[in-house]
Amino acid sequence: MLGAEDDIGSIEVGKFADMIVLDQNLFEIKADQIYDTQVLQTILGGKVIYERVDQGNEDVEGLRRAAY
């Protein structure tokens, strides 16, 4: 895989991770409830670039600042 098997490709200690953390398990809810799912964290390159501070409106400006 692009010669980067030691850095990417699975979730393990020491590897980079691009993923999101959701507030509910999509496999345990009904399909018509998926729209209400909230992103709690966004992890890019192994670093948290977004973390939901409260359960209100998302900090869109904070997410933009962290991404650039």
Protein backbone atom coordinates (compact mmCIF):
# COMPACT_ATOMS: atom_id res chain seq x y z
CA MET A 1 0.00 0.00 0.00
CA LEU A 2 2.14 2.88 -1.28
CA GLY A 3 5.07 1.60 0.77
CA ALA A 4 3.57 3.14 3.93
CA GLU A 5 2.41 -0.02 5.70
CA ASP A 6 4.38 0.91 8.82
CA ASP A 7 2.50 4.23 9.14
CA ILE A 8 -1.04 3.67 7.81
CA GLY A 9 -3.55 0.95 6.98
CA SER A 10 -4.79 -0.12 10.41
CA ILE A 11 -5.57 1.35 13.81
CA GLU A 12 -2.55 0.58 15.96
CA VAL A 13 -0.31 2.42 18.42
CA GLY A 14 2.22 4.49 16.50
CA LYS A 15 0.26 4.67 13.23
CA PHE A 16 -1.50 7.70 11.81
CA ALA A 17 -5.29 7.75 11.93
CA ASP A 18 -7.88 9.65 9.89
CA MET A 19 -11.26 9.07 11.45
CA ILE A 20 -14.24 10.58 13.18
CA VAL A 21 -15.78 9.75 16.55
CA LEU A 22 -19.58 9.75 16.60
CA ASP A 23 -22.00 10.15 19.50
CA GLN A 24 -23.86 6.96 18.63
CA ASN A 25 -23.15 3.60 17.05
CA LEU A 26 -24.58 3.63 13.51
CA PHE A 27 -24.96 -0.14 13.63
CA GLU A 28 -27.20 0.01 16.68
CA ILE A 29 -29.73 2.63 15.59
CA LYS A 30 -32.51 2.71 13.02
CA ALA A 31 -31.65 4.13 9.59
CA ASP A 32 -34.06 7.03 10.07
CA GLN A 33 -32.05 8.14 13.15
CA ILE A 34 -28.69 8.44 11.39
CA TYR A 35 -29.38 12.07 10.39
CA ASP A 36 -29.26 13.03 14.09
CA THR A 37 -25.75 11.64 14.63
CA GLN A 38 -23.19 14.19 15.83
CA VAL A 39 -19.43 14.21 15.21
CA LEU A 40 -17.59 14.44 18.54
CA GLN A 41 -14.03 14.42 17.19
CA THR A 42 -12.20 14.53 13.89
CA ILE A 43 -8.74 12.99 13.84
CA LEU A 44 -6.48 13.63 10.86
CA GLY A 45 -2.95 12.32 10.57
CA GLY A 46 -3.17 11.04 14.13
CA LYS A 47 -3.96 14.50 15.55
CA VAL A 48 -7.31 15.75 16.86
CA ILE A 49 -8.22 18.68 14.60
CA TYR A 50 -11.79 19.09 15.86
CA GLU A 51 -13.42 18.33 19.17
CA ARG A 52 -17.03 19.16 19.93
CA VAL A 53 -17.00 21.32 23.04
CA ASP A 54 -20.68 21.08 23.92
CA GLN A 55 -23.85 19.53 22.58
CA GLY A 56 -24.99 22.80 20.99
CA ASN A 57 -23.90 24.21 17.63
CA GLU A 58 -20.64 22.93 16.22
CA ASP A 59 -17.61 25.22 16.32
CA VAL A 60 -17.27 25.53 12.54
CA GLU A 61 -14.75 28.37 12.77
CA GLY A 62 -12.59 26.30 15.14
CA LEU A 63 -12.66 23.43 12.67
CA ARG A 64 -11.61 25.72 9.81
CA ARG A 65 -8.72 27.17 11.86
CA ALA A 66 -7.48 23.71 12.85
CA ALA A 67 -7.60 22.39 9.27
CA TYR A 68 -5.32 25.11 7.86
